[in-house]
Amino acid sequence: MNLDEFKQLLKKAGFSKKTFSEDTQISLSTVNGWGSANKPAVPFWVEKYLTLYIENKDCKELKEIIKENVCKE
């Protein structure tokens, strides 16, 4: 995953680099270095982590919509 893809997934997940670093307990300086010139690439697991995070977030939102509109007592 390149830096632009990383930034797009962060945005879709609702993260900034700072909030992502806090959530994953990875130093902000490490996250900021990913994909920059002469720095390590974005680790392979980050794409999977963010994709699953986004899917989980979407499922939670859908669950709330169903709960509010279909499962009324």
PDB file of N, CA and C in Angstrom:
ATOM      1  N   MET A   1       0.863  -1.169   0.000  1.00  0.00           N
ATOM      2  CA  MET A   1       0.000   0.000   0.000  1.00  0.00           C
ATOM      3  C   MET A   1       0.910   1.233   0.000  1.00  0.00           C
ATOM      4  N   ASN A   2       0.570   2.180  -0.858  1.00  0.00           N
ATOM      5  CA  ASN A   2       1.375   3.394  -0.906  1.00  0.00           C
ATOM      6  C   ASN A   2       0.809   4.451   0.068  1.00  0.00           C
ATOM      7  N   LEU A   3       1.482   5.561   0.171  1.00  0.00           N
ATOM      8  CA  LEU A   3       1.118   6.603   1.128  1.00  0.00           C
ATOM      9  C   LEU A   3      -0.261   7.186   0.842  1.00  0.00           C
ATOM     10  N   ASP A   4      -0.593   7.401  -0.426  1.00  0.00           N
ATOM     11  CA  ASP A   4      -1.914   7.953  -0.762  1.00  0.00           C
ATOM     12  C   ASP A   4      -3.038   6.996  -0.372  1.00  0.00           C
ATOM     13  N   GLU A   5      -2.841   5.712  -0.624  1.00  0.00           N
ATOM     14  CA  GLU A   5      -3.846   4.715  -0.241  1.00  0.00           C
ATOM     15  C   GLU A   5      -4.004   4.672   1.280  1.00  0.00           C
ATOM     16  N   PHE A   6      -2.899   4.771   1.979  1.00  0.00           N
ATOM     17  CA  PHE A   6      -2.921   4.800   3.448  1.00  0.00           C
ATOM     18  C   PHE A   6      -3.735   5.991   3.941  1.00  0.00           C
ATOM     19  N   LYS A   7      -3.480   7.142   3.378  1.00  0.00           N
ATOM     20  CA  LYS A   7      -4.209   8.350   3.786  1.00  0.00           C
ATOM     21  C   LYS A   7      -5.703   8.225   3.491  1.00  0.00           C
ATOM     22  N   GLN A   8      -6.043   7.645   2.351  1.00  0.00           N
ATOM     23  CA  GLN A   8      -7.457   7.458   1.995  1.00  0.00           C
ATOM     24  C   GLN A   8      -8.159   6.515   2.970  1.00  0.00           C
ATOM     25  N   LEU A   9      -7.493   5.419   3.328  1.00  0.00           N
ATOM     26  CA  LEU A   9      -8.095   4.486   4.279  1.00  0.00           C
ATOM     27  C   LEU A   9      -8.207   5.108   5.671  1.00  0.00           C
ATOM     28  N   LEU A  10      -7.202   5.876   6.064  1.00  0.00           N
ATOM     29  CA  LEU A  10      -7.289   6.577   7.352  1.00  0.00           C
ATOM     30  C   LEU A  10      -8.516   7.469   7.389  1.00  0.00           C
ATOM     31  N   LYS A  11      -8.707   8.227   6.318  1.00  0.00           N
ATOM     32  CA  LYS A  11      -9.837   9.151   6.252  1.00  0.00           C
ATOM     33  C   LYS A  11     -11.158   8.396   6.304  1.00  0.00           C
ATOM     34  N   LYS A  12     -11.258   7.320   5.541  1.00  0.00           N
ATOM     35  CA  LYS A  12     -12.488   6.528   5.514  1.00  0.00           C
ATOM     36  C   LYS A  12     -12.787   5.921   6.882  1.00  0.00           C
ATOM     37  N   ALA A  13     -11.737   5.572   7.623  1.00  0.00           N
ATOM     38  CA  ALA A  13     -11.897   4.995   8.954  1.00  0.00           C
ATOM     39  C   ALA A  13     -12.180   6.064  10.008  1.00  0.00           C
ATOM     40  N   GLY A  14     -11.964   7.328   9.643  1.00  0.00           N
ATOM     41  CA  GLY A  14     -12.176   8.406  10.601  1.00  0.00           C
ATOM     42  C   GLY A  14     -10.968   8.671  11.478  1.00  0.00           C
ATOM     43  N   PHE A  15      -9.814   8.236  11.014  1.00  0.00           N
ATOM     44  CA  PHE A  15      -8.568   8.428  11.753  1.00  0.00           C
ATOM     45  C   PHE A  15      -7.733   9.547  11.144  1.00  0.00           C
ATOM     46  N   SER A  16      -6.980  10.198  11.971  1.00  0.00           N
ATOM     47  CA  SER A  16      -5.834  10.986  11.526  1.00  0.00           C
ATOM     48  C   SER A  16      -4.624  10.091  11.793  1.00  0.00           C
ATOM     49  N   LYS A  17      -3.457  10.496  11.357  1.00  0.00           N
ATOM     50  CA  LYS A  17      -2.271   9.703  11.683  1.00  0.00           C
ATOM     51  C   LYS A  17      -2.092   9.636  13.199  1.00  0.00           C
ATOM     52  N   LYS A  18      -2.405  10.732  13.873  1.00  0.00           N
ATOM     53  CA  LYS A  18      -2.257  10.781  15.330  1.00  0.00           C
ATOM     54  C   LYS A  18      -3.215   9.819  16.019  1.00  0.00           C
ATOM     55  N   THR A  19      -4.499   9.841  15.637  1.00  0.00           N
ATOM     56  CA  THR A  19      -5.459   8.958  16.291  1.00  0.00           C
ATOM     57  C   THR A  19      -5.195   7.494  15.938  1.00  0.00           C
ATOM     58  N   PHE A  20      -4.709   7.232  14.708  1.00  0.00           N
ATOM     59  CA  PHE A  20      -4.327   5.873  14.341  1.00  0.00           C
ATOM     60  C   PHE A  20      -3.169   5.407  15.205  1.00  0.00           C
ATOM     61  N   SER A  21      -2.184   6.257  15.407  1.00  0.00           N
ATOM     62  CA  SER A  21      -1.033   5.865  16.223  1.00  0.00           C
ATOM     63  C   SER A  21      -1.461   5.593  17.668  1.00  0.00           C
ATOM     64  N   GLU A  22      -2.398   6.388  18.170  1.00  0.00           N
ATOM     65  CA  GLU A  22      -2.900   6.170  19.527  1.00  0.00           C
ATOM     66  C   GLU A  22      -3.682   4.857  19.609  1.00  0.00           C
ATOM     67  N   ASP A  23      -4.520   4.585  18.621  1.00  0.00           N
ATOM     68  CA  ASP A  23      -5.346   3.385  18.624  1.00  0.00           C
ATOM     69  C   ASP A  23      -4.497   2.120  18.532  1.00  0.00           C
ATOM     70  N   THR A  24      -3.432   2.173  17.753  1.00  0.00           N
ATOM     71  CA  THR A  24      -2.576   1.005  17.551  1.00  0.00           C
ATOM     72  C   THR A  24      -1.369   0.983  18.484  1.00  0.00           C
ATOM     73  N   GLN A  25      -1.190   2.034  19.246  1.00  0.00           N
ATOM     74  CA  GLN A  25      -0.059   2.178  20.170  1.00  0.00           C
ATOM     75  C   GLN A  25       1.286   2.097  19.439  1.00  0.00           C
ATOM     76  N   ILE A  26       1.306   2.721  18.270  1.00  0.00           N
ATOM     77  CA  ILE A  26       2.533   2.866  17.487  1.00  0.00           C
ATOM     78  C   ILE A  26       2.899   4.342  17.544  1.00  0.00           C
ATOM     79  N   SER A  27       4.165   4.630  17.724  1.00  0.00           N
ATOM     80  CA  SER A  27       4.556   6.029  17.866  1.00  0.00           C
ATOM     81  C   SER A  27       4.165   6.834  16.621  1.00  0.00           C
ATOM     82  N   LEU A  28       3.777   8.074  16.859  1.00  0.00           N
ATOM     83  CA  LEU A  28       3.384   8.953  15.760  1.00  0.00           C
ATOM     84  C   LEU A  28       4.537   9.159  14.792  1.00  0.00           C
ATOM     85  N   SER A  29       5.744   9.231  15.294  1.00  0.00           N
ATOM     86  CA  SER A  29       6.893   9.424  14.397  1.00  0.00           C
ATOM     87  C   SER A  29       7.064   8.231  13.456  1.00  0.00           C
ATOM     88  N   THR A  30       6.765   7.028  13.937  1.00  0.00           N
ATOM     89  CA  THR A  30       6.828   5.843  13.078  1.00  0.00           C
ATOM     90  C   THR A  30       5.756   5.923  11.997  1.00  0.00           C
ATOM     91  N   VAL A  31       4.526   6.233  12.395  1.00  0.00           N
ATOM     92  CA  VAL A  31       3.420   6.333  11.434  1.00  0.00           C
ATOM     93  C   VAL A  31       3.697   7.434  10.417  1.00  0.00           C
ATOM     94  N   ASN A  32       4.194   8.560  10.879  1.00  0.00           N
ATOM     95  CA  ASN A  32       4.508   9.668   9.968  1.00  0.00           C
ATOM     96  C   ASN A  32       5.593   9.300   8.965  1.00  0.00           C
ATOM     97  N   GLY A  33       6.465   8.392   9.330  1.00  0.00           N
ATOM     98  CA  GLY A  33       7.557   8.007   8.449  1.00  0.00           C
ATOM     99  C   GLY A  33       7.164   7.045   7.346  1.00  0.00           C
ATOM    100  N   TRP A  34       6.065   6.325   7.539  1.00  0.00           N
ATOM    101  CA  TRP A  34       5.666   5.331   6.548  1.00  0.00           C
ATOM    102  C   TRP A  34       5.402   5.969   5.192  1.00  0.00           C
ATOM    103  N   GLY A  35       6.020   5.419   4.175  1.00  0.00           N
ATOM    104  CA  GLY A  35       5.771   5.844   2.807  1.00  0.00           C
ATOM    105  C   GLY A  35       6.478   7.118   2.388  1.00  0.00           C
ATOM    106  N   SER A  36       7.188   7.754   3.314  1.00  0.00           N
ATOM    107  CA  SER A  36       7.923   8.968   2.969  1.00  0.00           C
ATOM    108  C   SER A  36       9.243   8.582   2.305  1.00  0.00           C
ATOM    109  N   ALA A  37       9.855   9.543   1.656  1.00  0.00           N
ATOM    110  CA  ALA A  37      11.133   9.294   0.983  1.00  0.00           C
ATOM    111  C   ALA A  37      12.153   8.774   1.991  1.00  0.00           C
ATOM    112  N   ASN A  38      12.897   7.737   1.591  1.00  0.00           N
ATOM    113  CA  ASN A  38      13.950   7.134   2.418  1.00  0.00           C
ATOM    114  C   ASN A  38      13.437   6.559   3.731  1.00  0.00           C
ATOM    115  N   LYS A  39      12.165   6.272   3.817  1.00  0.00           N
ATOM    116  CA  LYS A  39      11.572   5.686   5.025  1.00  0.00           C
ATOM    117  C   LYS A  39      10.921   4.368   4.643  1.00  0.00           C
ATOM    118  N   PRO A  40      10.606   3.542   5.638  1.00  0.00           N
ATOM    119  CA  PRO A  40       9.959   2.264   5.323  1.00  0.00           C
ATOM    120  C   PRO A  40       8.575   2.448   4.708  1.00  0.00           C
ATOM    121  N   ALA A  41       8.185   1.490   3.900  1.00  0.00           N
ATOM    122  CA  ALA A  41       6.840   1.500   3.309  1.00  0.00           C
ATOM    123  C   ALA A  41       5.807   1.263   4.400  1.00  0.00           C
ATOM    124  N   VAL A  42       4.556   1.542   4.080  1.00  0.00           N
ATOM    125  CA  VAL A  42       3.466   1.251   5.006  1.00  0.00           C
ATOM    126  C   VAL A  42       3.443  -0.272   5.179  1.00  0.00           C
ATOM    127  N   PRO A  43       3.468  -0.777   6.423  1.00  0.00           N
ATOM    128  CA  PRO A  43       3.471  -2.228   6.642  1.00  0.00           C
ATOM    129  C   PRO A  43       2.248  -2.907   6.015  1.00  0.00           C
ATOM    130  N   PHE A  44       2.433  -4.147   5.576  1.00  0.00           N
ATOM    131  CA  PHE A  44       1.376  -4.870   4.870  1.00  0.00           C
ATOM    132  C   PHE A  44       0.113  -5.044   5.705  1.00  0.00           C
ATOM    133  N   TRP A  45       0.243  -5.174   7.014  1.00  0.00           N
ATOM    134  CA  TRP A  45      -0.914  -5.448   7.865  1.00  0.00           C
ATOM    135  C   TRP A  45      -1.820  -4.233   8.039  1.00  0.00           C
ATOM    136  N   VAL A  46      -1.319  -3.046   7.774  1.00  0.00           N
ATOM    137  CA  VAL A  46      -2.090  -1.826   8.013  1.00  0.00           C
ATOM    138  C   VAL A  46      -3.336  -1.780   7.129  1.00  0.00           C
ATOM    139  N   GLU A  47      -3.200  -2.178   5.880  1.00  0.00           N
ATOM    140  CA  GLU A  47      -4.353  -2.178   4.973  1.00  0.00           C
ATOM    141  C   GLU A  47      -5.450  -3.112   5.504  1.00  0.00           C
ATOM    142  N   LYS A  48      -5.062  -4.293   5.952  1.00  0.00           N
ATOM    143  CA  LYS A  48      -6.040  -5.247   6.487  1.00  0.00           C
ATOM    144  C   LYS A  48      -6.677  -4.705   7.766  1.00  0.00           C
ATOM    145  N   TYR A  49      -5.872  -4.131   8.628  1.00  0.00           N
ATOM    146  CA  TYR A  49      -6.382  -3.571   9.884  1.00  0.00           C
ATOM    147  C   TYR A  49      -7.419  -2.496   9.604  1.00  0.00           C
ATOM    148  N   LEU A  50      -7.080  -1.552   8.732  1.00  0.00           N
ATOM    149  CA  LEU A  50      -7.993  -0.448   8.444  1.00  0.00           C
ATOM    150  C   LEU A  50      -9.243  -0.926   7.707  1.00  0.00           C
ATOM    151  N   THR A  51      -9.095  -1.871   6.789  1.00  0.00           N
ATOM    152  CA  THR A  51     -10.249  -2.406   6.069  1.00  0.00           C
ATOM    153  C   THR A  51     -11.219  -3.083   7.034  1.00  0.00           C
ATOM    154  N   LEU A  52     -10.704  -3.890   7.936  1.00  0.00           N
ATOM    155  CA  LEU A  52     -11.560  -4.551   8.924  1.00  0.00           C
ATOM    156  C   LEU A  52     -12.180  -3.541   9.890  1.00  0.00           C
ATOM    157  N   TYR A  53     -11.427  -2.525  10.252  1.00  0.00           N
ATOM    158  CA  TYR A  53     -11.940  -1.475  11.132  1.00  0.00           C
ATOM    159  C   TYR A  53     -13.136  -0.777  10.466  1.00  0.00           C
ATOM    160  N   ILE A  54     -12.983  -0.446   9.193  1.00  0.00           N
ATOM    161  CA  ILE A  54     -14.044   0.231   8.439  1.00  0.00           C
ATOM    162  C   ILE A  54     -15.267  -0.676   8.304  1.00  0.00           C
ATOM    163  N   GLU A  55     -15.050  -1.943   7.978  1.00  0.00           N
ATOM    164  CA  GLU A  55     -16.165  -2.887   7.848  1.00  0.00           C
ATOM    165  C   GLU A  55     -16.908  -3.028   9.173  1.00  0.00           C
ATOM    166  N   ASN A  56     -16.180  -3.115  10.269  1.00  0.00           N
ATOM    167  CA  ASN A  56     -16.794  -3.235  11.585  1.00  0.00           C
ATOM    168  C   ASN A  56     -17.599  -1.983  11.927  1.00  0.00           C
ATOM    169  N   LYS A  57     -17.036  -0.837  11.604  1.00  0.00           N
ATOM    170  CA  LYS A  57     -17.721   0.435  11.846  1.00  0.00           C
ATOM    171  C   LYS A  57     -19.028   0.497  11.045  1.00  0.00           C
ATOM    172  N   ASP A  58     -18.966   0.092   9.781  1.00  0.00           N
ATOM    173  CA  ASP A  58     -20.162   0.076   8.930  1.00  0.00           C
ATOM    174  C   ASP A  58     -21.218  -0.883   9.477  1.00  0.00           C
ATOM    175  N   CYS A  59     -20.790  -2.051   9.935  1.00  0.00           N
ATOM    176  CA  CYS A  59     -21.726  -3.037  10.493  1.00  0.00           C
ATOM    177  C   CYS A  59     -22.391  -2.514  11.758  1.00  0.00           C
ATOM    178  N   LYS A  60     -21.638  -1.833  12.600  1.00  0.00           N
ATOM    179  CA  LYS A  60     -22.212  -1.261  13.821  1.00  0.00           C
ATOM    180  C   LYS A  60     -23.258  -0.202  13.486  1.00  0.00           C
ATOM    181  N   GLU A  61     -22.966   0.626  12.485  1.00  0.00           N
ATOM    182  CA  GLU A  61     -23.925   1.650  12.075  1.00  0.00           C
ATOM    183  C   GLU A  61     -25.194   1.008  11.514  1.00  0.00           C
ATOM    184  N   LEU A  62     -25.036  -0.028  10.701  1.00  0.00           N
ATOM    185  CA  LEU A  62     -26.184  -0.732  10.129  1.00  0.00           C
ATOM    186  C   LEU A  62     -27.009  -1.407  11.231  1.00  0.00           C
ATOM    187  N   LYS A  63     -26.329  -1.990  12.182  1.00  0.00           N
ATOM    188  CA  LYS A  63     -27.019  -2.633  13.309  1.00  0.00           C
ATOM    189  C   LYS A  63     -27.881  -1.622  14.064  1.00  0.00           C
ATOM    190  N   GLU A  64     -27.364  -0.425  14.288  1.00  0.00           N
ATOM    191  CA  GLU A  64     -28.128   0.609  14.984  1.00  0.00           C
ATOM    192  C   GLU A  64     -29.346   1.045  14.176  1.00  0.00           C
ATOM    193  N   ILE A  65     -29.191   1.163  12.862  1.00  0.00           N
ATOM    194  CA  ILE A  65     -30.319   1.539  11.994  1.00  0.00           C
ATOM    195  C   ILE A  65     -31.405   0.471  12.061  1.00  0.00           C
ATOM    196  N   ILE A  66     -30.992  -0.787  11.981  1.00  0.00           N
ATOM    197  CA  ILE A  66     -31.965  -1.878  12.058  1.00  0.00           C
ATOM    198  C   ILE A  66     -32.642  -1.879  13.417  1.00  0.00           C
ATOM    199  N   LYS A  67     -31.859  -1.728  14.441  1.00  0.00           N
ATOM    200  CA  LYS A  67     -32.405  -1.735  15.806  1.00  0.00           C
ATOM    201  C   LYS A  67     -33.443  -0.621  15.989  1.00  0.00           C
ATOM    202  N   GLU A  68     -33.135   0.551  15.465  1.00  0.00           N
ATOM    203  CA  GLU A  68     -34.036   1.706  15.628  1.00  0.00           C
ATOM    204  C   GLU A  68     -35.302   1.592  14.771  1.00  0.00           C
ATOM    205  N   ASN A  69     -35.201   0.966  13.613  1.00  0.00           N
ATOM    206  CA  ASN A  69     -36.309   0.970  12.659  1.00  0.00           C
ATOM    207  C   ASN A  69     -37.073  -0.343  12.506  1.00  0.00           C
ATOM    208  N   VAL A  70     -36.462  -1.450  12.827  1.00  0.00           N
ATOM    209  CA  VAL A  70     -37.101  -2.729  12.614  1.00  0.00           C
ATOM    210  C   VAL A  70     -37.448  -3.420  13.934  1.00  0.00           C
ATOM    211  N   CYS A  71     -36.616  -3.302  14.884  1.00  0.00           N
ATOM    212  CA  CYS A  71     -36.766  -4.037  16.128  1.00  0.00           C
ATOM    213  C   CYS A  71     -37.467  -3.229  17.215  1.00  0.00           C
ATOM    214  N   LYS A  72     -38.407  -2.407  16.817  1.00  0.00           N
ATOM    215  CA  LYS A  72     -39.142  -1.613  17.797  1.00  0.00           C
ATOM    216  C   LYS A  72     -40.040  -2.529  18.617  1.00  0.00           C
ATOM    217  N   GLU A  73     -40.182  -2.190  19.859  1.00  0.00           N
ATOM    218  CA  GLU A  73     -41.036  -3.015  20.734  1.00  0.00           C
ATOM    219  C   GLU A  73     -42.477  -2.646  20.584  1.00  0.00           C
TER     220      GLU A  73
END
